[in-house]
Amino acid sequence: MHLTAITYNLMRVVEEVSKAQNPDLIHPSDKKHTQSLEKRQQAARKKGRVVNPLFFQARIVHISSYTIRAFQNAIITGKSLSSFVSALAARLVSRPCRIGEH
């Protein structure tokens, strides 16, 4: 269980770093969620209220079981992070879909 938690947290770090380095990787639904929270915050300020800060935490993403197992195996075998990420990127090809595109 600890190894799964470590893996998940490391994957989140990799995701956040990649989003910071390349904003094009941010999924459109995350952008829309952030914009709606900003509007909600502005409306609350006008009324003299605040929005619960927990809403502003990063949303939990779905990580496939394959990715978690691969990351766990990389930790156990002592594989370097850069070689693991390049191998994973070669296997996992993700691209955001546009609305209406399936």
N, C-alpha and C. Protein backbone atom coordinates (compact mmCIF):
# COMPACT_ATOMS: atom_id res chain seq x y z
N MET A 1 0.82 -1.20 0.00
CA MET A 1 0.00 0.00 0.00
C MET A 1 0.86 1.26 0.00
N HIS A 2 1.97 1.23 0.77
CA HIS A 2 2.84 2.40 0.82
C HIS A 2 3.46 2.68 -0.55
N LEU A 3 3.85 1.62 -1.24
CA LEU A 3 4.46 1.78 -2.55
C LEU A 3 3.47 2.37 -3.55
N THR A 4 2.21 2.00 -3.43
CA THR A 4 1.19 2.57 -4.31
C THR A 4 1.02 4.06 -4.03
N ALA A 5 1.01 4.44 -2.75
CA ALA A 5 0.88 5.85 -2.40
C ALA A 5 2.09 6.65 -2.88
N ILE A 6 3.28 6.08 -2.72
CA ILE A 6 4.49 6.74 -3.20
C ILE A 6 4.42 6.92 -4.71
N THR A 7 4.01 5.87 -5.39
CA THR A 7 3.90 5.92 -6.85
C THR A 7 2.92 6.99 -7.28
N TYR A 8 1.76 7.02 -6.65
CA TYR A 8 0.75 8.00 -7.02
C TYR A 8 1.27 9.41 -6.80
N ASN A 9 1.91 9.65 -5.66
CA ASN A 9 2.42 10.99 -5.37
C ASN A 9 3.52 11.39 -6.36
N LEU A 10 4.39 10.46 -6.71
CA LEU A 10 5.43 10.77 -7.69
C LEU A 10 4.83 11.07 -9.06
N MET A 11 3.80 10.33 -9.44
CA MET A 11 3.15 10.58 -10.72
C MET A 11 2.49 11.96 -10.72
N ARG A 12 1.93 12.36 -9.59
CA ARG A 12 1.34 13.70 -9.49
C ARG A 12 2.41 14.77 -9.65
N VAL A 13 3.59 14.53 -9.05
CA VAL A 13 4.69 15.49 -9.19
C VAL A 13 5.10 15.61 -10.65
N VAL A 14 5.25 14.47 -11.31
CA VAL A 14 5.63 14.48 -12.73
C VAL A 14 4.58 15.23 -13.54
N GLU A 15 3.31 14.99 -13.24
CA GLU A 15 2.24 15.67 -13.97
C GLU A 15 2.27 17.18 -13.74
N GLU A 16 2.44 17.61 -12.49
CA GLU A 16 2.45 19.03 -12.19
C GLU A 16 3.66 19.73 -12.81
N VAL A 17 4.81 19.07 -12.79
CA VAL A 17 6.00 19.64 -13.40
C VAL A 17 5.81 19.77 -14.91
N SER A 18 5.24 18.75 -15.53
CA SER A 18 5.03 18.81 -16.98
C SER A 18 4.03 19.90 -17.34
N LYS A 19 3.01 20.11 -16.51
CA LYS A 19 2.05 21.19 -16.76
C LYS A 19 2.71 22.56 -16.60
N ALA A 20 3.60 22.68 -15.62
CA ALA A 20 4.29 23.96 -15.41
C ALA A 20 5.25 24.26 -16.56
N GLN A 21 5.90 23.23 -17.07
CA GLN A 21 6.87 23.43 -18.15
C GLN A 21 6.20 23.60 -19.51
N ASN A 22 5.04 22.97 -19.69
CA ASN A 22 4.35 23.04 -20.98
C ASN A 22 2.86 23.22 -20.73
N PRO A 23 2.37 24.46 -20.65
CA PRO A 23 0.96 24.70 -20.36
C PRO A 23 -0.01 24.10 -21.39
N ASP A 24 0.49 23.74 -22.57
CA ASP A 24 -0.38 23.12 -23.57
C ASP A 24 -0.87 21.74 -23.13
N LEU A 25 -0.19 21.15 -22.14
CA LEU A 25 -0.57 19.82 -21.66
C LEU A 25 -1.77 19.85 -20.71
N ILE A 26 -2.17 21.04 -20.29
CA ILE A 26 -3.31 21.14 -19.37
C ILE A 26 -4.58 20.79 -20.13
N HIS A 27 -5.33 19.86 -19.59
CA HIS A 27 -6.55 19.39 -20.25
C HIS A 27 -7.59 20.51 -20.26
N PRO A 28 -8.36 20.64 -21.33
CA PRO A 28 -9.38 21.69 -21.41
C PRO A 28 -10.37 21.67 -20.24
N SER A 29 -10.70 20.51 -19.72
CA SER A 29 -11.64 20.46 -18.59
C SER A 29 -11.03 21.09 -17.35
N ASP A 30 -9.71 20.96 -17.17
CA ASP A 30 -9.04 21.61 -16.03
C ASP A 30 -9.07 23.13 -16.19
N LYS A 31 -8.88 23.59 -17.41
CA LYS A 31 -8.93 25.04 -17.66
C LYS A 31 -10.33 25.57 -17.37
N LYS A 32 -11.34 24.84 -17.81
CA LYS A 32 -12.72 25.26 -17.60
C LYS A 32 -13.06 25.26 -16.11
N HIS A 33 -12.58 24.25 -15.39
CA HIS A 33 -12.82 24.16 -13.94
C HIS A 33 -12.18 25.35 -13.23
N THR A 34 -10.96 25.71 -13.61
CA THR A 34 -10.26 26.84 -13.00
C THR A 34 -11.00 28.15 -13.27
N GLN A 35 -11.47 28.32 -14.49
CA GLN A 35 -12.21 29.54 -14.83
C GLN A 35 -13.50 29.65 -14.03
N SER A 36 -14.21 28.54 -13.87
CA SER A 36 -15.46 28.58 -13.11
C SER A 36 -15.20 28.87 -11.63
N LEU A 37 -14.09 28.35 -11.10
CA LEU A 37 -13.74 28.66 -9.71
C LEU A 37 -13.39 30.13 -9.54
N GLU A 38 -12.72 30.72 -10.52
CA GLU A 38 -12.39 32.14 -10.44
C GLU A 38 -13.66 32.99 -10.46
N LYS A 39 -14.62 32.64 -11.31
CA LYS A 39 -15.89 33.36 -11.35
C LYS A 39 -16.63 33.21 -10.03
N ARG A 40 -16.59 32.01 -9.48
CA ARG A 40 -17.25 31.75 -8.20
C ARG A 40 -16.61 32.57 -7.08
N GLN A 41 -15.27 32.68 -7.11
CA GLN A 41 -14.54 33.44 -6.11
C GLN A 41 -14.90 34.93 -6.22
N GLN A 42 -15.00 35.45 -7.43
CA GLN A 42 -15.35 36.86 -7.63
C GLN A 42 -16.76 37.15 -7.13
N ALA A 43 -17.69 36.25 -7.42
CA ALA A 43 -19.07 36.43 -6.96
C ALA A 43 -19.14 36.39 -5.44
N ALA A 44 -18.35 35.52 -4.83
CA ALA A 44 -18.34 35.42 -3.37
C ALA A 44 -17.75 36.69 -2.75
N ARG A 45 -16.70 37.23 -3.36
CA ARG A 45 -16.09 38.47 -2.83
C ARG A 45 -17.07 39.63 -2.88
N LYS A 46 -17.87 39.70 -3.95
CA LYS A 46 -18.85 40.78 -4.06
C LYS A 46 -19.86 40.72 -2.92
N LYS A 47 -20.15 39.52 -2.45
CA LYS A 47 -21.10 39.33 -1.36
C LYS A 47 -20.42 39.35 0.00
N GLY A 48 -19.08 39.51 0.01
CA GLY A 48 -18.34 39.52 1.27
C GLY A 48 -18.11 38.13 1.83
N ARG A 49 -18.09 37.16 0.99
CA ARG A 49 -17.90 35.77 1.41
C ARG A 49 -16.65 35.20 0.75
N VAL A 50 -16.35 33.95 1.08
CA VAL A 50 -15.21 33.27 0.47
C VAL A 50 -15.65 31.89 0.00
N VAL A 51 -14.90 31.37 -0.95
CA VAL A 51 -15.13 30.01 -1.43
C VAL A 51 -14.22 29.08 -0.63
N ASN A 52 -14.73 27.92 -0.29
CA ASN A 52 -13.95 26.95 0.48
C ASN A 52 -12.63 26.69 -0.24
N PRO A 53 -11.49 26.84 0.48
CA PRO A 53 -10.18 26.65 -0.16
C PRO A 53 -9.94 25.24 -0.69
N LEU A 54 -10.68 24.26 -0.20
CA LEU A 54 -10.50 22.90 -0.69
C LEU A 54 -10.88 22.76 -2.16
N PHE A 55 -11.74 23.65 -2.65
CA PHE A 55 -12.11 23.61 -4.06
C PHE A 55 -10.93 23.95 -4.96
N PHE A 56 -9.95 24.69 -4.41
CA PHE A 56 -8.83 25.14 -5.22
C PHE A 56 -7.67 24.15 -5.24
N GLN A 57 -7.80 23.04 -4.53
CA GLN A 57 -6.77 22.01 -4.57
C GLN A 57 -6.79 21.36 -5.95
N ALA A 58 -5.66 20.81 -6.33
CA ALA A 58 -5.58 20.14 -7.64
C ALA A 58 -6.55 18.97 -7.68
N ARG A 59 -7.19 18.82 -8.81
CA ARG A 59 -8.14 17.72 -8.97
C ARG A 59 -7.40 16.41 -9.11
N ILE A 60 -7.97 15.37 -8.57
CA ILE A 60 -7.35 14.05 -8.63
C ILE A 60 -7.53 13.50 -10.04
N VAL A 61 -6.43 13.07 -10.61
CA VAL A 61 -6.48 12.52 -11.97
C VAL A 61 -6.52 11.01 -11.90
N HIS A 62 -7.00 10.41 -12.95
CA HIS A 62 -7.02 8.95 -13.04
C HIS A 62 -5.70 8.47 -13.60
N ILE A 63 -5.06 7.57 -12.90
CA ILE A 63 -3.81 6.98 -13.36
C ILE A 63 -4.07 5.50 -13.56
N SER A 64 -3.72 5.00 -14.71
CA SER A 64 -4.01 3.60 -15.02
C SER A 64 -3.20 2.67 -14.14
N SER A 65 -3.73 1.47 -13.95
CA SER A 65 -3.02 0.48 -13.13
C SER A 65 -1.71 0.09 -13.79
N TYR A 66 -1.66 0.11 -15.13
CA TYR A 66 -0.40 -0.19 -15.83
C TYR A 66 0.67 0.82 -15.44
N THR A 67 0.30 2.10 -15.41
CA THR A 67 1.26 3.14 -15.08
C THR A 67 1.76 2.98 -13.66
N ILE A 68 0.86 2.68 -12.74
CA ILE A 68 1.27 2.49 -11.34
C ILE A 68 2.20 1.29 -11.22
N ARG A 69 1.86 0.18 -11.87
CA ARG A 69 2.74 -1.00 -11.81
C ARG A 69 4.10 -0.72 -12.42
N ALA A 70 4.11 -0.02 -13.55
CA ALA A 70 5.38 0.31 -14.21
C ALA A 70 6.23 1.20 -13.32
N PHE A 71 5.60 2.15 -12.67
CA PHE A 71 6.34 3.04 -11.78
C PHE A 71 6.87 2.27 -10.57
N GLN A 72 6.06 1.39 -10.01
CA GLN A 72 6.51 0.57 -8.88
C GLN A 72 7.69 -0.29 -9.29
N ASN A 73 7.63 -0.90 -10.46
CA ASN A 73 8.74 -1.73 -10.94
C ASN A 73 10.00 -0.89 -11.14
N ALA A 74 9.84 0.34 -11.61
CA ALA A 74 11.00 1.22 -11.79
C ALA A 74 11.63 1.57 -10.45
N ILE A 75 10.79 1.78 -9.43
CA ILE A 75 11.31 2.08 -8.09
C ILE A 75 12.05 0.87 -7.54
N ILE A 76 11.45 -0.30 -7.67
CA ILE A 76 12.05 -1.52 -7.11
C ILE A 76 13.37 -1.85 -7.80
N THR A 77 13.42 -1.70 -9.12
CA THR A 77 14.64 -2.06 -9.85
C THR A 77 15.68 -0.95 -9.85
N GLY A 78 15.33 0.24 -9.38
CA GLY A 78 16.29 1.33 -9.32
C GLY A 78 16.51 2.02 -10.65
N LYS A 79 15.55 1.92 -11.55
CA LYS A 79 15.65 2.56 -12.86
C LYS A 79 15.61 4.08 -12.68
N SER A 80 16.37 4.81 -13.47
CA SER A 80 16.38 6.27 -13.34
C SER A 80 15.04 6.84 -13.80
N LEU A 81 14.68 7.98 -13.22
CA LEU A 81 13.40 8.59 -13.53
C LEU A 81 13.32 9.02 -14.99
N SER A 82 14.40 9.55 -15.51
CA SER A 82 14.37 10.02 -16.91
C SER A 82 14.17 8.86 -17.89
N SER A 83 14.84 7.74 -17.64
CA SER A 83 14.65 6.60 -18.56
C SER A 83 13.26 6.00 -18.41
N PHE A 84 12.73 6.01 -17.18
CA PHE A 84 11.37 5.51 -16.98
C PHE A 84 10.36 6.38 -17.70
N VAL A 85 10.48 7.70 -17.54
CA VAL A 85 9.51 8.61 -18.15
C VAL A 85 9.57 8.52 -19.67
N SER A 86 10.77 8.40 -20.23
CA SER A 86 10.86 8.29 -21.69
C SER A 86 10.25 6.97 -22.18
N ALA A 87 10.45 5.89 -21.44
CA ALA A 87 9.85 4.60 -21.82
C ALA A 87 8.33 4.66 -21.69
N LEU A 88 7.86 5.30 -20.63
CA LEU A 88 6.42 5.42 -20.41
C LEU A 88 5.79 6.31 -21.48
N ALA A 89 6.46 7.39 -21.83
CA ALA A 89 5.94 8.30 -22.86
C ALA A 89 5.85 7.60 -24.21
N ALA A 90 6.79 6.69 -24.47
CA ALA A 90 6.74 5.95 -25.73
C ALA A 90 5.53 5.02 -25.78
N ARG A 91 5.14 4.50 -24.62
CA ARG A 91 4.01 3.57 -24.57
C ARG A 91 2.67 4.29 -24.46
N LEU A 92 2.61 5.32 -23.66
CA LEU A 92 1.36 6.04 -23.42
C LEU A 92 1.31 7.29 -24.28
N VAL A 93 0.39 7.33 -25.18
CA VAL A 93 0.21 8.50 -26.03
C VAL A 93 -1.13 9.09 -25.67
N SER A 94 -1.11 10.23 -25.01
CA SER A 94 -2.38 10.85 -24.64
C SER A 94 -2.49 12.19 -25.33
N ARG A 95 -3.68 12.50 -25.76
CA ARG A 95 -3.94 13.81 -26.34
C ARG A 95 -5.35 14.19 -25.93
N PRO A 96 -5.56 15.45 -25.61
CA PRO A 96 -6.91 15.86 -25.26
C PRO A 96 -7.83 15.82 -26.48
N CYS A 97 -9.02 15.30 -26.30
CA CYS A 97 -10.01 15.24 -27.39
C CYS A 97 -10.79 16.53 -27.41
N ARG A 98 -11.14 16.96 -28.58
CA ARG A 98 -12.02 18.12 -28.69
C ARG A 98 -13.45 17.63 -28.53
N ILE A 99 -14.30 18.53 -28.14
CA ILE A 99 -15.70 18.18 -27.95
C ILE A 99 -16.27 17.70 -29.28
N GLY A 100 -16.93 16.57 -29.24
CA GLY A 100 -17.51 16.00 -30.44
C GLY A 100 -16.57 15.07 -31.17
N GLU A 101 -15.32 14.99 -30.74
CA GLU A 101 -14.34 14.11 -31.38
C GLU A 101 -14.15 12.88 -30.50
N HIS A 102 -14.40 11.71 -31.02
CA HIS A 102 -14.26 10.48 -30.23
C HIS A 102 -13.44 9.48 -30.97
